[in-house]
Structure formats: structure tokens, C-alpha cells
């Protein structure tokens, strides 16, 4: 049986992982769509770093909110799949 301390640590770990995942997703998505693709298309302009930073600061909270909603669904679905594939 899992005690409350372990459960709280697990919940904290999951939330912290969602913070890191959403940060990395926002970073790479804004890097690709806000910097690399425009650079290939027509070159970078002098303010591209400031513009990228603005997009990243906007994208990270949105990605975090989405990860809070999608994360539990993904964990549920994966546990169902693993439960069916590898029964106890």
C-alpha cells in the first residue's frame, strides 16, 4: 500500500515533469516555427530573438495548461494498454 508521503512525492514529480515537458515543447516549437522556418524562407530579421522570446513566453503557459489536461489522460491510456499487454 502506498502511504500519503509517497503519493504526494509522486504527484509532485508528475507536476514537475509536466513543467519540464511543457517548457521543452514550447522551446522547440517556437524555435522551429518562429526561427528556423522563417530563416529558411527569407532570413532572420534584426529583432528575431526578441520576437522568439515573446512567442516562447506566450507558448509555455499554454503548453503547461494543456499538459495538465492531457497528461492524466495519457497516463490513464498507457496504464490501460500496459495492463492489457502485460497482465499482473
Foldseek 3Di string as FASTA:
>chain_A
DDDPVRVVVVVVVLLVVLLVVLLVVLLVVLCVVQPVVVCVVPRDDPCSVVVSVVSSVVRSVVSSVVCVVVVVVVVVVVVVVCCVVPPD
